[in-house]
Amino acid sequence: YYCAAKFTAYTDTNTYTQDRDYNYWGPGTQV
């Protein structure tokens, strides 16, 4: 499992569901 983040705008109301949308990723944790 990975968490991901992307900078956005204060007014942004979009939902991002594609991995290409995100710029930053953690190394992951095994479940």
PDB file of all heavy atoms in Angstrom:
ATOM      1  N   TYR A   1       0.839  -1.196   0.000  1.00  0.00           N
ATOM      2  CA  TYR A   1       0.000   0.000   0.000  1.00  0.00           C
ATOM      3  C   TYR A   1       0.878   1.251   0.000  1.00  0.00           C
ATOM      4  O   TYR A   1       1.844   1.351   0.775  1.00  0.00           O
ATOM      5  CB  TYR A   1      -0.919   0.006   1.211  1.00  0.00           C
ATOM      6  CG  TYR A   1      -2.082  -0.938   1.057  1.00  0.00           C
ATOM      7  CD1 TYR A   1      -1.898  -2.316   1.110  1.00  0.00           C
ATOM      8  CD2 TYR A   1      -3.370  -0.468   0.826  1.00  0.00           C
ATOM      9  CE1 TYR A   1      -2.950  -3.194   0.941  1.00  0.00           C
ATOM     10  CE2 TYR A   1      -4.441  -1.331   0.665  1.00  0.00           C
ATOM     11  CZ  TYR A   1      -4.224  -2.686   0.721  1.00  0.00           C
ATOM     12  OH  TYR A   1      -5.273  -3.551   0.547  1.00  0.00           O
ATOM     13  N   TYR A   2       0.503   2.193  -0.865  1.00  0.00           N
ATOM     14  CA  TYR A   2       1.266   3.423  -1.039  1.00  0.00           C
ATOM     15  C   TYR A   2       0.374   4.630  -0.763  1.00  0.00           C
ATOM     16  O   TYR A   2      -0.785   4.652  -1.188  1.00  0.00           O
ATOM     17  CB  TYR A   2       1.767   3.545  -2.471  1.00  0.00           C
ATOM     18  CG  TYR A   2       2.635   2.408  -2.941  1.00  0.00           C
ATOM     19  CD1 TYR A   2       2.073   1.284  -3.552  1.00  0.00           C
ATOM     20  CD2 TYR A   2       4.020   2.453  -2.800  1.00  0.00           C
ATOM     21  CE1 TYR A   2       2.863   0.231  -3.994  1.00  0.00           C
ATOM     22  CE2 TYR A   2       4.814   1.411  -3.241  1.00  0.00           C
ATOM     23  CZ  TYR A   2       4.223   0.310  -3.834  1.00  0.00           C
ATOM     24  OH  TYR A   2       5.018  -0.722  -4.283  1.00  0.00           O
ATOM     25  N   CYS A   3       0.925   5.634  -0.101  1.00  0.00           N
ATOM     26  CA  CYS A   3       0.238   6.920  -0.076  1.00  0.00           C
ATOM     27  C   CYS A   3       0.881   7.830  -1.120  1.00  0.00           C
ATOM     28  O   CYS A   3       2.049   7.657  -1.482  1.00  0.00           O
ATOM     29  CB  CYS A   3       0.263   7.559   1.305  1.00  0.00           C
ATOM     30  SG  CYS A   3       1.868   8.070   1.903  1.00  0.00           S
ATOM     31  N   ALA A   4       0.097   8.756  -1.597  1.00  0.00           N
ATOM     32  CA  ALA A   4       0.521   9.636  -2.672  1.00  0.00           C
ATOM     33  C   ALA A   4      -0.013  11.039  -2.436  1.00  0.00           C
ATOM     34  O   ALA A   4      -1.052  11.210  -1.790  1.00  0.00           O
ATOM     35  CB  ALA A   4       0.033   9.099  -4.013  1.00  0.00           C
ATOM     36  N   ALA A   5       0.688  12.019  -2.988  1.00  0.00           N
ATOM     37  CA  ALA A   5       0.291  13.412  -2.789  1.00  0.00           C
ATOM     38  C   ALA A   5       0.564  14.224  -4.036  1.00  0.00           C
ATOM     39  O   ALA A   5       1.453  13.895  -4.833  1.00  0.00           O
ATOM     40  CB  ALA A   5       1.056  14.014  -1.613  1.00  0.00           C
ATOM     41  N   LYS A   6      -0.214  15.279  -4.193  1.00  0.00           N
ATOM     42  CA  LYS A   6       0.030  16.240  -5.263  1.00  0.00           C
ATOM     43  C   LYS A   6      -0.357  17.621  -4.757  1.00  0.00           C
ATOM     44  O   LYS A   6      -1.346  17.767  -4.020  1.00  0.00           O
ATOM     45  CB  LYS A   6      -0.766  15.908  -6.523  1.00  0.00           C
ATOM     46  CG  LYS A   6      -2.242  16.109  -6.383  1.00  0.00           C
ATOM     47  CD  LYS A   6      -2.989  15.806  -7.662  1.00  0.00           C
ATOM     48  CE  LYS A   6      -2.930  16.692  -8.802  1.00  0.00           C
ATOM     49  NZ  LYS A   6      -2.402  17.854  -9.095  1.00  0.00           N
ATOM     50  N   PHE A   7       0.424  18.618  -5.117  1.00  0.00           N
ATOM     51  CA  PHE A   7       0.049  19.988  -4.809  1.00  0.00           C
ATOM     52  C   PHE A   7      -1.138  20.372  -5.679  1.00  0.00           C
ATOM     53  O   PHE A   7      -1.237  19.965  -6.833  1.00  0.00           O
ATOM     54  CB  PHE A   7       1.215  20.935  -5.038  1.00  0.00           C
ATOM     55  CG  PHE A   7       2.318  20.778  -4.034  1.00  0.00           C
ATOM     56  CD1 PHE A   7       3.535  20.259  -4.409  1.00  0.00           C
ATOM     57  CD2 PHE A   7       2.119  21.151  -2.717  1.00  0.00           C
ATOM     58  CE1 PHE A   7       4.550  20.103  -3.483  1.00  0.00           C
ATOM     59  CE2 PHE A   7       3.129  20.994  -1.781  1.00  0.00           C
ATOM     60  CZ  PHE A   7       4.347  20.470  -2.170  1.00  0.00           C
ATOM     61  N   THR A   8      -1.995  21.173  -5.097  1.00  0.00           N
ATOM     62  CA  THR A   8      -3.161  21.599  -5.850  1.00  0.00           C
ATOM     63  C   THR A   8      -3.471  23.038  -5.481  1.00  0.00           C
ATOM     64  O   THR A   8      -2.645  23.723  -4.882  1.00  0.00           O
ATOM     65  CB  THR A   8      -4.334  20.648  -5.562  1.00  0.00           C
ATOM     66  OG1 THR A   8      -5.437  21.002  -6.381  1.00  0.00           O
ATOM     67  CG2 THR A   8      -4.770  20.723  -4.107  1.00  0.00           C
ATOM     68  N   ALA A   9      -4.641  23.504  -5.877  1.00  0.00           N
ATOM     69  CA  ALA A   9      -5.050  24.875  -5.583  1.00  0.00           C
ATOM     70  C   ALA A   9      -5.998  24.882  -4.387  1.00  0.00           C
ATOM     71  O   ALA A   9      -6.688  23.901  -4.132  1.00  0.00           O
ATOM     72  CB  ALA A   9      -5.735  25.488  -6.791  1.00  0.00           C
ATOM     73  N   TYR A  10      -6.052  26.007  -3.698  1.00  0.00           N
ATOM     74  CA  TYR A  10      -6.938  26.098  -2.542  1.00  0.00           C
ATOM     75  C   TYR A  10      -8.403  25.879  -2.917  1.00  0.00           C
ATOM     76  O   TYR A  10      -9.189  25.423  -2.106  1.00  0.00           O
ATOM     77  CB  TYR A  10      -6.779  27.449  -1.846  1.00  0.00           C
ATOM     78  CG  TYR A  10      -5.535  27.545  -0.998  1.00  0.00           C
ATOM     79  CD1 TYR A  10      -4.423  28.243  -1.445  1.00  0.00           C
ATOM     80  CD2 TYR A  10      -5.481  26.935   0.252  1.00  0.00           C
ATOM     81  CE1 TYR A  10      -3.274  28.321  -0.665  1.00  0.00           C
ATOM     82  CE2 TYR A  10      -4.348  27.007   1.033  1.00  0.00           C
ATOM     83  CZ  TYR A  10      -3.244  27.706   0.573  1.00  0.00           C
ATOM     84  OH  TYR A  10      -2.112  27.784   1.336  1.00  0.00           O
ATOM     85  N   THR A  11      -8.741  26.200  -4.148  1.00  0.00           N
ATOM     86  CA  THR A  11     -10.126  26.084  -4.596  1.00  0.00           C
ATOM     87  C   THR A  11     -10.408  24.754  -5.288  1.00  0.00           C
ATOM     88  O   THR A  11     -11.513  24.529  -5.772  1.00  0.00           O
ATOM     89  CB  THR A  11     -10.459  27.223  -5.561  1.00  0.00           C
ATOM     90  OG1 THR A  11      -9.509  27.202  -6.641  1.00  0.00           O
ATOM     91  CG2 THR A  11     -10.395  28.570  -4.860  1.00  0.00           C
ATOM     92  N   ASP A  12      -9.429  23.876  -5.320  1.00  0.00           N
ATOM     93  CA  ASP A  12      -9.580  22.628  -6.057  1.00  0.00           C
ATOM     94  C   ASP A  12     -10.619  21.718  -5.406  1.00  0.00           C
ATOM     95  O   ASP A  12     -10.539  21.434  -4.210  1.00  0.00           O
ATOM     96  CB  ASP A  12      -8.233  21.911  -6.119  1.00  0.00           C
ATOM     97  CG  ASP A  12      -8.262  20.686  -6.996  1.00  0.00           C
ATOM     98  OD1 ASP A  12      -9.234  20.503  -7.756  1.00  0.00           O
ATOM     99  OD2 ASP A  12      -7.314  19.883  -6.934  1.00  0.00           O
ATOM    100  N   THR A  13     -11.569  21.237  -6.189  1.00  0.00           N
ATOM    101  CA  THR A  13     -12.571  20.294  -5.697  1.00  0.00           C
ATOM    102  C   THR A  13     -12.509  18.969  -6.446  1.00  0.00           C
ATOM    103  O   THR A  13     -13.403  18.137  -6.335  1.00  0.00           O
ATOM    104  CB  THR A  13     -13.981  20.882  -5.835  1.00  0.00           C
ATOM    105  OG1 THR A  13     -14.215  21.196  -7.213  1.00  0.00           O
ATOM    106  CG2 THR A  13     -14.155  22.130  -4.989  1.00  0.00           C
ATOM    107  N   ASN A  14     -11.448  18.766  -7.212  1.00  0.00           N
ATOM    108  CA  ASN A  14     -11.325  17.530  -7.972  1.00  0.00           C
ATOM    109  C   ASN A  14     -10.946  16.352  -7.084  1.00  0.00           C
ATOM    110  O   ASN A  14     -10.361  16.524  -6.022  1.00  0.00           O
ATOM    111  CB  ASN A  14     -10.271  17.684  -9.070  1.00  0.00           C
ATOM    112  CG  ASN A  14     -10.705  18.637 -10.150  1.00  0.00           C
ATOM    113  OD1 ASN A  14     -11.861  18.655 -10.534  1.00  0.00           O
ATOM    114  ND2 ASN A  14      -9.785  19.445 -10.634  1.00  0.00           N
ATOM    115  N   THR A  15     -11.282  15.165  -7.556  1.00  0.00           N
ATOM    116  CA  THR A  15     -10.875  13.917  -6.932  1.00  0.00           C
ATOM    117  C   THR A  15      -9.908  13.225  -7.881  1.00  0.00           C
ATOM    118  O   THR A  15     -10.232  13.028  -9.044  1.00  0.00           O
ATOM    119  CB  THR A  15     -12.083  13.020  -6.664  1.00  0.00           C
ATOM    120  OG1 THR A  15     -13.005  13.695  -5.807  1.00  0.00           O
ATOM    121  CG2 THR A  15     -11.641  11.725  -5.992  1.00  0.00           C
ATOM    122  N   TYR A  16      -8.757  12.857  -7.392  1.00  0.00           N
ATOM    123  CA  TYR A  16      -7.712  12.296  -8.244  1.00  0.00           C
ATOM    124  C   TYR A  16      -7.584  10.796  -7.983  1.00  0.00           C
ATOM    125  O   TYR A  16      -7.267  10.373  -6.872  1.00  0.00           O
ATOM    126  CB  TYR A  16      -6.389  13.000  -7.977  1.00  0.00           C
ATOM    127  CG  TYR A  16      -6.462  14.470  -8.294  1.00  0.00           C
ATOM    128  CD1 TYR A  16      -6.711  15.412  -7.307  1.00  0.00           C
ATOM    129  CD2 TYR A  16      -6.319  14.911  -9.610  1.00  0.00           C
ATOM    130  CE1 TYR A  16      -6.805  16.751  -7.603  1.00  0.00           C
ATOM    131  CE2 TYR A  16      -6.403  16.248  -9.912  1.00  0.00           C
ATOM    132  CZ  TYR A  16      -6.651  17.176  -8.915  1.00  0.00           C
ATOM    133  OH  TYR A  16      -6.745  18.499  -9.216  1.00  0.00           O
ATOM    134  N   THR A  17      -7.845   9.998  -9.011  1.00  0.00           N
ATOM    135  CA  THR A  17      -7.870   8.551  -8.862  1.00  0.00           C
ATOM    136  C   THR A  17      -6.850   7.832  -9.730  1.00  0.00           C
ATOM    137  O   THR A  17      -6.774   6.607  -9.688  1.00  0.00           O
ATOM    138  CB  THR A  17      -9.272   8.007  -9.191  1.00  0.00           C
ATOM    139  OG1 THR A  17      -9.556   8.279 -10.565  1.00  0.00           O
ATOM    140  CG2 THR A  17     -10.330   8.640  -8.311  1.00  0.00           C
ATOM    141  N   GLN A  18      -6.080   8.562 -10.509  1.00  0.00           N
ATOM    142  CA  GLN A  18      -5.077   7.957 -11.373  1.00  0.00           C
ATOM    143  C   GLN A  18      -3.694   8.166 -10.781  1.00  0.00           C
ATOM    144  O   GLN A  18      -3.383   9.259 -10.293  1.00  0.00           O
ATOM    145  CB  GLN A  18      -5.131   8.592 -12.766  1.00  0.00           C
ATOM    146  CG  GLN A  18      -6.490   8.518 -13.440  1.00  0.00           C
ATOM    147  CD  GLN A  18      -6.913   7.096 -13.713  1.00  0.00           C
ATOM    148  OE1 GLN A  18      -6.140   6.295 -14.222  1.00  0.00           O
ATOM    149  NE2 GLN A  18      -8.157   6.784 -13.360  1.00  0.00           N
ATOM    150  N   ASP A  19      -2.864   7.143 -10.857  1.00  0.00           N
ATOM    151  CA  ASP A  19      -1.546   7.320 -10.243  1.00  0.00           C
ATOM    152  C   ASP A  19      -0.735   8.382 -10.963  1.00  0.00           C
ATOM    153  O   ASP A  19       0.122   9.025 -10.345  1.00  0.00           O
ATOM    154  CB  ASP A  19      -0.786   6.000 -10.133  1.00  0.00           C
ATOM    155  CG  ASP A  19      -0.629   5.279 -11.446  1.00  0.00           C
ATOM    156  OD1 ASP A  19      -1.029   5.817 -12.484  1.00  0.00           O
ATOM    157  OD2 ASP A  19      -0.105   4.145 -11.424  1.00  0.00           O
ATOM    158  N   ARG A  20      -1.023   8.619 -12.241  1.00  0.00           N
ATOM    159  CA  ARG A  20      -0.283   9.655 -12.959  1.00  0.00           C
ATOM    160  C   ARG A  20      -0.638  11.054 -12.465  1.00  0.00           C
ATOM    161  O   ARG A  20       0.056  12.021 -12.778  1.00  0.00           O
ATOM    162  CB  ARG A  20      -0.551   9.567 -14.453  1.00  0.00           C
ATOM    163  CG  ARG A  20      -1.996   9.788 -14.853  1.00  0.00           C
ATOM    164  CD  ARG A  20      -2.172   9.776 -16.371  1.00  0.00           C
ATOM    165  NE  ARG A  20      -3.555   9.968 -16.777  1.00  0.00           N
ATOM    166  CZ  ARG A  20      -4.396   8.971 -16.976  1.00  0.00           C
ATOM    167  NH1 ARG A  20      -3.990   7.732 -16.822  1.00  0.00           N
ATOM    168  NH2 ARG A  20      -5.642   9.218 -17.353  1.00  0.00           N
ATOM    169  N   ASP A  21      -1.716  11.181 -11.699  1.00  0.00           N
ATOM    170  CA  ASP A  21      -2.101  12.485 -11.149  1.00  0.00           C
ATOM    171  C   ASP A  21      -1.172  12.934 -10.029  1.00  0.00           C
ATOM    172  O   ASP A  21      -1.114  14.119  -9.718  1.00  0.00           O
ATOM    173  CB  ASP A  21      -3.530  12.432 -10.592  1.00  0.00           C
ATOM    174  CG  ASP A  21      -4.578  12.239 -11.665  1.00  0.00           C
ATOM    175  OD1 ASP A  21      -4.358  12.705 -12.800  1.00  0.00           O
ATOM    176  OD2 ASP A  21      -5.612  11.606 -11.362  1.00  0.00           O
ATOM    177  N   TYR A  22      -0.493  11.997  -9.402  1.00  0.00           N
ATOM    178  CA  TYR A  22       0.271  12.287  -8.191  1.00  0.00           C
ATOM    179  C   TYR A  22       1.758  12.429  -8.477  1.00  0.00           C
ATOM    180  O   TYR A  22       2.315  11.728  -9.317  1.00  0.00           O
ATOM    181  CB  TYR A  22       0.025  11.184  -7.148  1.00  0.00           C
ATOM    182  CG  TYR A  22      -1.388  11.182  -6.626  1.00  0.00           C
ATOM    183  CD1 TYR A  22      -2.378  10.442  -7.265  1.00  0.00           C
ATOM    184  CD2 TYR A  22      -1.731  11.934  -5.512  1.00  0.00           C
ATOM    185  CE1 TYR A  22      -3.684  10.454  -6.794  1.00  0.00           C
ATOM    186  CE2 TYR A  22      -3.022  11.937  -5.031  1.00  0.00           C
ATOM    187  CZ  TYR A  22      -4.000  11.201  -5.682  1.00  0.00           C
ATOM    188  OH  TYR A  22      -5.290  11.220  -5.211  1.00  0.00           O
ATOM    189  N   ASN A  23       2.375  13.315  -7.732  1.00  0.00           N
ATOM    190  CA  ASN A  23       3.792  13.607  -7.933  1.00  0.00           C
ATOM    191  C   ASN A  23       4.699  12.962  -6.884  1.00  0.00           C
ATOM    192  O   ASN A  23       5.879  12.759  -7.138  1.00  0.00           O
ATOM    193  CB  ASN A  23       4.018  15.118  -7.888  1.00  0.00           C
ATOM    194  CG  ASN A  23       3.114  15.863  -8.832  1.00  0.00           C
ATOM    195  OD1 ASN A  23       2.223  16.581  -8.397  1.00  0.00           O
ATOM    196  ND2 ASN A  23       3.320  15.679 -10.120  1.00  0.00           N
ATOM    197  N   TYR A  24       4.139  12.694  -5.707  1.00  0.00           N
ATOM    198  CA  TYR A  24       4.959  12.228  -4.595  1.00  0.00           C
ATOM    199  C   TYR A  24       4.396  10.925  -4.051  1.00  0.00           C
ATOM    200  O   TYR A  24       3.173  10.787  -3.879  1.00  0.00           O
ATOM    201  CB  TYR A  24       5.004  13.290  -3.489  1.00  0.00           C
ATOM    202  CG  TYR A  24       5.530  14.602  -3.981  1.00  0.00           C
ATOM    203  CD1 TYR A  24       4.652  15.633  -4.332  1.00  0.00           C
ATOM    204  CD2 TYR A  24       6.896  14.808  -4.138  1.00  0.00           C
ATOM    205  CE1 TYR A  24       5.134  16.826  -4.815  1.00  0.00           C
ATOM    206  CE2 TYR A  24       7.381  16.016  -4.619  1.00  0.00           C
ATOM    207  CZ  TYR A  24       6.499  17.016  -4.959  1.00  0.00           C
ATOM    208  OH  TYR A  24       6.975  18.202  -5.449  1.00  0.00           O
ATOM    209  N   TRP A  25       5.304  10.002  -3.769  1.00  0.00           N
ATOM    210  CA  TRP A  25       4.915   8.666  -3.331  1.00  0.00           C
ATOM    211  C   TRP A  25       5.769   8.216  -2.160  1.00  0.00           C
ATOM    212  O   TRP A  25       6.965   8.544  -2.077  1.00  0.00           O
ATOM    213  CB  TRP A  25       5.106   7.660  -4.474  1.00  0.00           C
ATOM    214  CG  TRP A  25       4.197   7.895  -5.618  1.00  0.00           C
ATOM    215  CD1 TRP A  25       4.383   8.766  -6.659  1.00  0.00           C
ATOM    216  CD2 TRP A  25       2.930   7.278  -5.841  1.00  0.00           C
ATOM    217  NE1 TRP A  25       3.307   8.717  -7.513  1.00  0.00           N
ATOM    218  CE2 TRP A  25       2.408   7.807  -7.035  1.00  0.00           C
ATOM    219  CE3 TRP A  25       2.189   6.328  -5.149  1.00  0.00           C
ATOM    220  CZ2 TRP A  25       1.172   7.416  -7.562  1.00  0.00           C
ATOM    221  CZ3 TRP A  25       0.968   5.933  -5.668  1.00  0.00           C
ATOM    222  CH2 TRP A  25       0.469   6.469  -6.860  1.00  0.00           C
ATOM    223  N   GLY A  26       5.157   7.453  -1.259  1.00  0.00           N
ATOM    224  CA  GLY A  26       5.932   6.804  -0.228  1.00  0.00           C
ATOM    225  C   GLY A  26       6.501   5.492  -0.737  1.00  0.00           C
ATOM    226  O   GLY A  26       6.141   5.039  -1.829  1.00  0.00           O
ATOM    227  N   PRO A  27       7.374   4.855   0.030  1.00  0.00           N
ATOM    228  CA  PRO A  27       7.988   3.584  -0.393  1.00  0.00           C
ATOM    229  C   PRO A  27       7.046   2.397  -0.284  1.00  0.00           C
ATOM    230  O   PRO A  27       7.321   1.333  -0.860  1.00  0.00           O
ATOM    231  CB  PRO A  27       9.156   3.423   0.568  1.00  0.00           C
ATOM    232  CG  PRO A  27       8.735   4.176   1.792  1.00  0.00           C
ATOM    233  CD  PRO A  27       7.922   5.340   1.302  1.00  0.00           C
ATOM    234  N   GLY A  28       5.945   2.558   0.451  1.00  0.00           N
ATOM    235  CA  GLY A  28       4.966   1.483   0.563  1.00  0.00           C
ATOM    236  C   GLY A  28       5.096   0.693   1.853  1.00  0.00           C
ATOM    237  O   GLY A  28       6.158   0.659   2.484  1.00  0.00           O
ATOM    238  N   THR A  29       3.985   0.062   2.238  1.00  0.00           N
ATOM    239  CA  THR A  29       3.967  -0.820   3.396  1.00  0.00           C
ATOM    240  C   THR A  29       3.191  -2.076   3.025  1.00  0.00           C
ATOM    241  O   THR A  29       2.137  -1.990   2.383  1.00  0.00           O
ATOM    242  CB  THR A  29       3.363  -0.119   4.625  1.00  0.00           C
ATOM    243  OG1 THR A  29       3.471  -0.967   5.772  1.00  0.00           O
ATOM    244  CG2 THR A  29       1.897   0.259   4.423  1.00  0.00           C
ATOM    245  N   GLN A  30       3.717  -3.234   3.414  1.00  0.00           N
ATOM    246  CA  GLN A  30       3.118  -4.499   3.018  1.00  0.00           C
ATOM    247  C   GLN A  30       1.951  -4.852   3.923  1.00  0.00           C
ATOM    248  O   GLN A  30       2.063  -4.812   5.154  1.00  0.00           O
ATOM    249  CB  GLN A  30       4.170  -5.612   3.086  1.00  0.00           C
ATOM    250  CG  GLN A  30       3.634  -7.002   2.787  1.00  0.00           C
ATOM    251  CD  GLN A  30       3.275  -7.183   1.328  1.00  0.00           C
ATOM    252  OE1 GLN A  30       4.042  -6.824   0.434  1.00  0.00           O
ATOM    253  NE2 GLN A  30       2.096  -7.745   1.058  1.00  0.00           N
ATOM    254  N   VAL A  31       0.851  -5.220   3.302  1.00  0.00           N
ATOM    255  CA  VAL A  31      -0.320  -5.745   4.012  1.00  0.00           C
ATOM    256  C   VAL A  31      -0.563  -7.152   3.491  1.00  0.00           C
ATOM    257  O   VAL A  31      -0.718  -7.349   2.281  1.00  0.00           O
ATOM    258  CB  VAL A  31      -1.559  -4.866   3.792  1.00  0.00           C
ATOM    259  CG1 VAL A  31      -2.801  -5.542   4.368  1.00  0.00           C
ATOM    260  CG2 VAL A  31      -1.347  -3.491   4.413  1.00  0.00           C
TER     261      VAL A  31
END
